[in-house]
N, C-alpha and C. Protein backbone atom coordinates (compact mmCIF):
# COMPACT_ATOMS: atom_id res chain seq x y z
N MET A 1 145.97 40.04 0.05
CA MET A 1 146.68 38.84 -0.28
C MET A 1 146.69 37.93 0.94
N ARG A 2 146.43 36.68 0.72
CA ARG A 2 146.35 35.71 1.80
C ARG A 2 147.75 35.35 2.28
N GLU A 3 147.93 35.28 3.56
CA GLU A 3 149.23 34.91 4.14
C GLU A 3 149.45 33.42 3.98
N ARG A 4 150.62 33.04 3.62
CA ARG A 4 150.98 31.63 3.51
C ARG A 4 151.36 31.08 4.87
N GLU A 5 151.07 29.81 5.04
CA GLU A 5 151.46 29.17 6.28
C GLU A 5 152.92 28.76 6.19
N ASN A 6 153.65 29.00 7.22
CA ASN A 6 155.05 28.63 7.26
C ASN A 6 155.17 27.32 8.01
N PRO A 7 155.63 26.25 7.35
CA PRO A 7 155.66 24.94 8.01
C PRO A 7 156.60 24.89 9.21
N LEU A 8 157.60 25.73 9.25
CA LEU A 8 158.54 25.71 10.37
C LEU A 8 158.11 26.63 11.50
N GLY A 9 157.05 27.39 11.29
CA GLY A 9 156.56 28.27 12.33
C GLY A 9 157.41 29.51 12.54
N GLU A 10 158.32 29.78 11.60
CA GLU A 10 159.20 30.94 11.74
C GLU A 10 158.51 32.18 11.20
N GLN A 11 158.85 33.32 11.74
CA GLN A 11 158.32 34.58 11.27
C GLN A 11 159.08 34.99 10.01
N GLU A 12 158.35 35.46 9.03
CA GLU A 12 158.96 35.93 7.80
C GLU A 12 159.38 37.39 8.01
N SER A 13 160.61 37.70 7.64
CA SER A 13 161.07 39.07 7.82
C SER A 13 160.36 39.99 6.82
N ALA A 14 160.33 41.27 7.11
CA ALA A 14 159.67 42.24 6.24
C ALA A 14 160.32 42.26 4.86
N HIS A 15 161.63 42.15 4.84
CA HIS A 15 162.36 42.16 3.57
C HIS A 15 162.00 40.93 2.73
N ASP A 16 161.96 39.75 3.38
CA ASP A 16 161.61 38.53 2.66
C ASP A 16 160.17 38.59 2.14
N ARG A 17 159.28 39.16 2.94
CA ARG A 17 157.88 39.29 2.54
C ARG A 17 157.76 40.22 1.33
N GLU A 18 158.50 41.34 1.35
CA GLU A 18 158.47 42.27 0.21
C GLU A 18 158.99 41.60 -1.05
N LEU A 19 160.07 40.83 -0.93
CA LEU A 19 160.61 40.13 -2.11
C LEU A 19 159.62 39.12 -2.65
N ARG A 20 158.98 38.37 -1.75
CA ARG A 20 158.00 37.37 -2.18
C ARG A 20 156.82 38.05 -2.86
N GLU A 21 156.30 39.13 -2.28
CA GLU A 21 155.17 39.83 -2.87
C GLU A 21 155.52 40.45 -4.21
N LYS A 22 156.73 40.95 -4.34
CA LYS A 22 157.18 41.52 -5.62
C LYS A 22 157.24 40.43 -6.69
N ALA A 23 157.77 39.26 -6.31
CA ALA A 23 157.84 38.14 -7.26
C ALA A 23 156.44 37.69 -7.68
N GLU A 24 155.50 37.68 -6.73
CA GLU A 24 154.13 37.30 -7.06
C GLU A 24 153.49 38.32 -8.00
N ARG A 25 153.73 39.61 -7.77
CA ARG A 25 153.18 40.65 -8.66
C ARG A 25 153.76 40.51 -10.06
N GLU A 26 155.07 40.25 -10.16
CA GLU A 26 155.69 40.09 -11.47
C GLU A 26 155.11 38.89 -12.19
N GLN A 27 154.88 37.79 -11.46
CA GLN A 27 154.29 36.60 -12.07
C GLN A 27 152.88 36.90 -12.57
N GLN A 28 152.11 37.66 -11.80
CA GLN A 28 150.76 38.02 -12.23
C GLN A 28 150.80 38.88 -13.48
N GLU A 29 151.76 39.80 -13.58
CA GLU A 29 151.89 40.64 -14.77
C GLU A 29 152.23 39.79 -16.00
N ILE A 30 153.10 38.80 -15.81
CA ILE A 30 153.46 37.91 -16.91
C ILE A 30 152.23 37.14 -17.38
N GLU A 31 151.44 36.63 -16.44
CA GLU A 31 150.23 35.90 -16.79
C GLU A 31 149.24 36.79 -17.53
N MET A 32 149.10 38.04 -17.11
CA MET A 32 148.20 38.97 -17.78
C MET A 32 148.67 39.24 -19.20
N THR A 33 149.97 39.37 -19.40
CA THR A 33 150.52 39.60 -20.73
C THR A 33 150.23 38.41 -21.63
N ARG A 34 150.38 37.21 -21.10
CA ARG A 34 150.11 36.02 -21.90
C ARG A 34 148.64 35.93 -22.29
N ARG A 35 147.75 36.35 -21.41
CA ARG A 35 146.33 36.28 -21.70
C ARG A 35 145.91 37.31 -22.74
N GLU A 36 146.65 38.40 -22.87
CA GLU A 36 146.28 39.43 -23.84
C GLU A 36 146.53 38.97 -25.27
N PHE A 37 147.44 38.02 -25.46
CA PHE A 37 147.76 37.53 -26.80
C PHE A 37 146.95 36.27 -27.07
N TYR A 38 145.99 36.33 -27.97
CA TYR A 38 145.17 35.17 -28.28
C TYR A 38 144.84 35.18 -29.76
N TRP A 39 144.45 34.03 -30.24
CA TRP A 39 144.01 33.90 -31.62
C TRP A 39 142.59 33.37 -31.61
N PRO A 40 141.72 33.93 -32.39
CA PRO A 40 140.36 33.38 -32.45
C PRO A 40 140.38 32.01 -33.12
N TYR A 41 139.56 31.11 -32.64
CA TYR A 41 139.54 29.75 -33.19
C TYR A 41 138.41 29.53 -34.18
N GLU A 42 137.62 30.55 -34.42
CA GLU A 42 136.52 30.39 -35.35
C GLU A 42 136.66 31.39 -36.48
N LYS A 43 136.09 31.05 -37.61
CA LYS A 43 136.11 31.94 -38.77
C LYS A 43 135.17 33.12 -38.53
N VAL A 44 135.61 34.28 -38.95
CA VAL A 44 134.79 35.48 -38.84
C VAL A 44 134.23 35.75 -40.22
N PRO A 45 132.91 35.97 -40.34
CA PRO A 45 132.32 36.19 -41.67
C PRO A 45 132.82 37.48 -42.31
N GLY A 46 132.83 37.48 -43.63
CA GLY A 46 133.26 38.67 -44.36
C GLY A 46 134.71 38.57 -44.78
N GLN A 47 135.15 39.56 -45.51
CA GLN A 47 136.52 39.57 -46.01
C GLN A 47 137.43 40.25 -44.99
N ALA A 48 138.57 39.65 -44.78
CA ALA A 48 139.53 40.21 -43.82
C ALA A 48 140.12 41.49 -44.38
N PRO A 49 140.38 42.46 -43.52
CA PRO A 49 141.00 43.70 -44.00
C PRO A 49 142.44 43.43 -44.44
N GLN A 50 142.92 44.24 -45.37
CA GLN A 50 144.29 44.11 -45.84
C GLN A 50 145.25 44.48 -44.72
N ARG A 51 146.25 43.66 -44.49
CA ARG A 51 147.22 43.92 -43.43
C ARG A 51 148.58 44.21 -44.05
N SER A 52 149.33 45.07 -43.40
CA SER A 52 150.66 45.41 -43.91
C SER A 52 151.63 44.27 -43.61
N ASP A 53 152.68 44.21 -44.41
CA ASP A 53 153.71 43.18 -44.21
C ASP A 53 154.36 43.31 -42.84
N ALA A 54 154.54 44.54 -42.36
CA ALA A 54 155.15 44.75 -41.05
C ALA A 54 154.27 44.18 -39.94
N ASP A 55 152.94 44.35 -40.07
CA ASP A 55 152.02 43.80 -39.07
C ASP A 55 152.07 42.27 -39.06
N ILE A 56 152.07 41.69 -40.24
CA ILE A 56 152.12 40.22 -40.35
C ILE A 56 153.43 39.71 -39.76
N ALA A 57 154.55 40.35 -40.11
CA ALA A 57 155.85 39.92 -39.59
C ALA A 57 155.91 40.04 -38.07
N ARG A 58 155.36 41.12 -37.53
CA ARG A 58 155.35 41.31 -36.08
C ARG A 58 154.53 40.21 -35.39
N ASP A 59 153.36 39.89 -35.95
CA ASP A 59 152.52 38.85 -35.36
C ASP A 59 153.20 37.48 -35.42
N ILE A 60 153.91 37.20 -36.51
CA ILE A 60 154.62 35.93 -36.63
C ILE A 60 155.73 35.86 -35.59
N GLU A 61 156.52 36.93 -35.48
CA GLU A 61 157.61 36.94 -34.49
C GLU A 61 157.07 36.77 -33.07
N THR A 62 155.96 37.43 -32.77
CA THR A 62 155.37 37.32 -31.44
C THR A 62 154.89 35.90 -31.18
N ALA A 63 154.20 35.31 -32.15
CA ALA A 63 153.69 33.95 -31.97
C ALA A 63 154.83 32.95 -31.80
N LEU A 64 155.90 33.10 -32.57
CA LEU A 64 157.04 32.19 -32.43
C LEU A 64 157.74 32.40 -31.09
N PHE A 65 157.84 33.65 -30.65
CA PHE A 65 158.50 33.95 -29.38
C PHE A 65 157.76 33.31 -28.20
N TYR A 66 156.43 33.37 -28.22
CA TYR A 66 155.66 32.85 -27.10
C TYR A 66 155.43 31.34 -27.15
N ASN A 67 155.85 30.69 -28.22
CA ASN A 67 155.72 29.24 -28.28
C ASN A 67 156.97 28.61 -27.67
N GLU A 68 156.78 27.80 -26.65
CA GLU A 68 157.91 27.24 -25.91
C GLU A 68 158.70 26.19 -26.69
N ARG A 69 158.11 25.60 -27.73
CA ARG A 69 158.81 24.56 -28.48
C ARG A 69 159.73 25.13 -29.56
N VAL A 70 159.54 26.39 -29.91
CA VAL A 70 160.30 26.99 -31.00
C VAL A 70 161.33 27.95 -30.43
N ARG A 71 162.56 27.83 -30.88
CA ARG A 71 163.57 28.83 -30.54
C ARG A 71 163.46 29.93 -31.59
N SER A 72 162.77 30.98 -31.23
CA SER A 72 162.41 32.00 -32.21
C SER A 72 163.62 32.72 -32.79
N TYR A 73 164.74 32.74 -32.06
CA TYR A 73 165.92 33.41 -32.59
C TYR A 73 166.58 32.61 -33.70
N GLU A 74 166.19 31.35 -33.90
CA GLU A 74 166.77 30.52 -34.95
C GLU A 74 165.93 30.51 -36.22
N VAL A 75 164.74 31.11 -36.17
CA VAL A 75 163.85 31.13 -37.34
C VAL A 75 163.63 32.58 -37.74
N LYS A 76 163.86 32.88 -39.01
CA LYS A 76 163.67 34.23 -39.54
C LYS A 76 162.60 34.17 -40.61
N CYS A 77 161.65 35.09 -40.51
CA CYS A 77 160.56 35.13 -41.47
C CYS A 77 160.52 36.51 -42.14
N ASP A 78 160.53 36.51 -43.46
CA ASP A 78 160.40 37.74 -44.24
C ASP A 78 159.04 37.72 -44.92
N VAL A 79 158.40 38.89 -44.99
CA VAL A 79 157.06 38.99 -45.58
C VAL A 79 157.11 39.99 -46.73
N HIS A 80 156.54 39.58 -47.86
CA HIS A 80 156.44 40.47 -49.01
C HIS A 80 155.08 40.22 -49.67
N ASP A 81 154.21 41.21 -49.65
CA ASP A 81 152.86 41.12 -50.21
C ASP A 81 152.08 39.95 -49.61
N GLY A 82 152.24 39.70 -48.33
CA GLY A 82 151.52 38.62 -47.65
C GLY A 82 152.15 37.26 -47.81
N GLN A 83 153.14 37.13 -48.67
CA GLN A 83 153.86 35.87 -48.88
C GLN A 83 155.00 35.81 -47.87
N VAL A 84 155.05 34.77 -47.05
CA VAL A 84 156.04 34.65 -45.99
C VAL A 84 157.11 33.65 -46.40
N THR A 85 158.38 34.04 -46.23
CA THR A 85 159.51 33.15 -46.48
C THR A 85 160.22 32.92 -45.16
N CYS A 86 160.22 31.66 -44.72
CA CYS A 86 160.86 31.31 -43.45
C CYS A 86 162.18 30.60 -43.74
N SER A 87 163.20 30.97 -42.96
CA SER A 87 164.49 30.30 -43.06
C SER A 87 165.05 30.14 -41.67
N GLY A 88 166.03 29.29 -41.55
CA GLY A 88 166.65 29.04 -40.25
C GLY A 88 166.80 27.56 -40.01
N THR A 89 167.03 27.20 -38.76
CA THR A 89 167.27 25.82 -38.38
C THR A 89 166.45 25.48 -37.14
N VAL A 90 165.82 24.30 -37.16
CA VAL A 90 165.08 23.81 -36.00
C VAL A 90 165.59 22.42 -35.64
N ASP A 91 165.18 21.94 -34.46
CA ASP A 91 165.69 20.68 -33.96
C ASP A 91 165.10 19.45 -34.64
N ASP A 92 163.82 19.48 -34.97
CA ASP A 92 163.20 18.29 -35.54
C ASP A 92 162.07 18.67 -36.50
N GLU A 93 161.56 17.65 -37.18
CA GLU A 93 160.51 17.84 -38.17
C GLU A 93 159.22 18.35 -37.53
N THR A 94 158.92 17.91 -36.34
CA THR A 94 157.71 18.36 -35.64
C THR A 94 157.75 19.86 -35.39
N THR A 95 158.91 20.37 -34.99
CA THR A 95 159.04 21.80 -34.75
C THR A 95 158.90 22.58 -36.06
N ARG A 96 159.44 22.03 -37.15
CA ARG A 96 159.30 22.68 -38.45
C ARG A 96 157.83 22.79 -38.84
N ARG A 97 157.08 21.71 -38.63
CA ARG A 97 155.65 21.74 -38.94
C ARG A 97 154.90 22.70 -38.03
N LEU A 98 155.33 22.76 -36.78
CA LEU A 98 154.72 23.71 -35.84
C LEU A 98 154.92 25.15 -36.32
N VAL A 99 156.12 25.46 -36.79
CA VAL A 99 156.40 26.80 -37.32
C VAL A 99 155.49 27.07 -38.52
N GLU A 100 155.35 26.09 -39.41
CA GLU A 100 154.46 26.26 -40.56
C GLU A 100 153.04 26.56 -40.12
N ASP A 101 152.54 25.79 -39.14
CA ASP A 101 151.17 25.99 -38.66
C ASP A 101 151.00 27.38 -38.04
N ILE A 102 151.98 27.80 -37.26
CA ILE A 102 151.91 29.12 -36.63
C ILE A 102 151.87 30.21 -37.69
N VAL A 103 152.77 30.12 -38.67
CA VAL A 103 152.85 31.15 -39.71
C VAL A 103 151.57 31.19 -40.54
N MET A 104 151.07 30.03 -40.94
CA MET A 104 149.87 30.00 -41.77
C MET A 104 148.63 30.43 -40.98
N GLY A 105 148.69 30.39 -39.66
CA GLY A 105 147.57 30.81 -38.84
C GLY A 105 147.50 32.30 -38.58
N VAL A 106 148.54 33.03 -38.96
CA VAL A 106 148.54 34.47 -38.75
C VAL A 106 147.66 35.13 -39.81
N PRO A 107 146.71 35.97 -39.38
CA PRO A 107 145.84 36.64 -40.34
C PRO A 107 146.65 37.50 -41.32
N GLY A 108 146.33 37.37 -42.60
CA GLY A 108 147.01 38.14 -43.63
C GLY A 108 148.07 37.35 -44.37
N CYS A 109 148.43 36.18 -43.84
CA CYS A 109 149.44 35.34 -44.51
C CYS A 109 148.78 34.64 -45.68
N LYS A 110 149.27 34.92 -46.89
CA LYS A 110 148.68 34.35 -48.10
C LYS A 110 149.36 33.06 -48.52
N GLY A 111 150.61 32.88 -48.14
CA GLY A 111 151.34 31.68 -48.51
C GLY A 111 152.65 31.61 -47.78
N LEU A 112 153.31 30.46 -47.88
CA LEU A 112 154.55 30.24 -47.15
C LEU A 112 155.56 29.54 -48.03
N VAL A 113 156.77 30.08 -48.07
CA VAL A 113 157.90 29.39 -48.68
C VAL A 113 158.78 28.95 -47.52
N ASP A 114 158.88 27.63 -47.36
CA ASP A 114 159.55 27.06 -46.20
C ASP A 114 160.97 26.64 -46.55
N ASN A 115 161.96 27.41 -46.09
CA ASN A 115 163.37 27.08 -46.29
C ASN A 115 164.04 26.69 -44.98
N ILE A 116 163.25 26.17 -44.05
CA ILE A 116 163.77 25.81 -42.73
C ILE A 116 164.49 24.47 -42.82
N GLN A 117 165.67 24.42 -42.23
CA GLN A 117 166.47 23.19 -42.18
C GLN A 117 166.20 22.47 -40.87
N VAL A 118 166.24 21.14 -40.91
CA VAL A 118 166.04 20.33 -39.71
C VAL A 118 167.39 19.75 -39.32
N ARG A 119 167.81 20.01 -38.06
CA ARG A 119 169.11 19.57 -37.57
C ARG A 119 169.23 18.06 -37.48
N SER A 120 168.29 17.41 -36.79
CA SER A 120 168.45 16.00 -36.45
C SER A 120 167.95 15.05 -37.52
N SER A 121 167.38 15.56 -38.57
CA SER A 121 166.81 14.70 -39.59
C SER A 121 167.90 14.18 -40.52
N ALA A 122 167.99 12.87 -40.63
CA ALA A 122 168.96 12.27 -41.55
C ALA A 122 168.47 12.41 -42.99
N GLN A 123 167.15 12.43 -43.18
CA GLN A 123 166.59 12.53 -44.51
C GLN A 123 166.61 13.96 -45.02
N GLY A 124 166.49 14.93 -44.10
CA GLY A 124 166.43 16.33 -44.51
C GLY A 124 165.07 16.63 -45.11
N LYS A 125 164.96 17.75 -45.80
CA LYS A 125 163.72 18.11 -46.46
C LYS A 125 164.04 18.86 -47.72
N SER A 126 163.11 18.87 -48.62
CA SER A 126 163.36 19.56 -49.87
C SER A 126 163.33 21.06 -49.63
N GLU A 127 164.22 21.78 -50.28
CA GLU A 127 164.30 23.23 -50.15
C GLU A 127 163.13 23.89 -50.84
N GLY A 128 162.68 24.98 -50.27
CA GLY A 128 161.69 25.83 -50.93
C GLY A 128 160.32 25.22 -51.06
N GLN A 129 159.86 24.46 -50.09
CA GLN A 129 158.52 23.91 -50.15
C GLN A 129 157.51 25.05 -50.07
N ASN A 130 156.56 25.07 -51.00
CA ASN A 130 155.56 26.14 -51.04
C ASN A 130 154.26 25.66 -50.43
N LEU A 131 153.70 26.46 -49.54
CA LEU A 131 152.38 26.19 -48.97
C LEU A 131 151.54 27.43 -49.20
N THR A 132 150.36 27.25 -49.73
CA THR A 132 149.47 28.39 -49.92
C THR A 132 148.13 28.07 -49.31
N SER A 133 147.47 29.15 -48.90
CA SER A 133 146.16 28.95 -48.25
C SER A 133 145.06 29.01 -49.26
C-alpha cells in the first residue's frame, strides 16, 4: 500500500495508521460486494429457467436495498407464481417508477401489481395498476 503524504509533515502514529488501513480495507470489501451484484444488459437466447418466488423476492429486495434513491424499508413486495405485488410509500412519482423498473427487470418477474402510494403527489395515483411483461 502506498504511503500518503502528510501535508503538515507530522508522523502518523501506529494506531492511527492501523485505523486508516482498516477503514481502507473495509471500503475495498464494500466495493467488491457492490461489484458482485450486477444485471446483464443484453437478452440471453433461449427460455429462462423457472425461478422460485423466494428467489425472485430476494433479488427484488436486494436490488431495492442497493438503490440509493429507494428507501427499501418503505416498499414491500410479495411474489406469487412470478406475479409481484408492491405496496408501501415513496417520496415522489419518479421513485415509484424506478421501483417498477427495478421489479420488472428482475428475471422471473411475470407481472406487477403496483399499490405504491406517493407521498408528495397532490394528484396521487390509481390503486392496483397492473403491468405485465
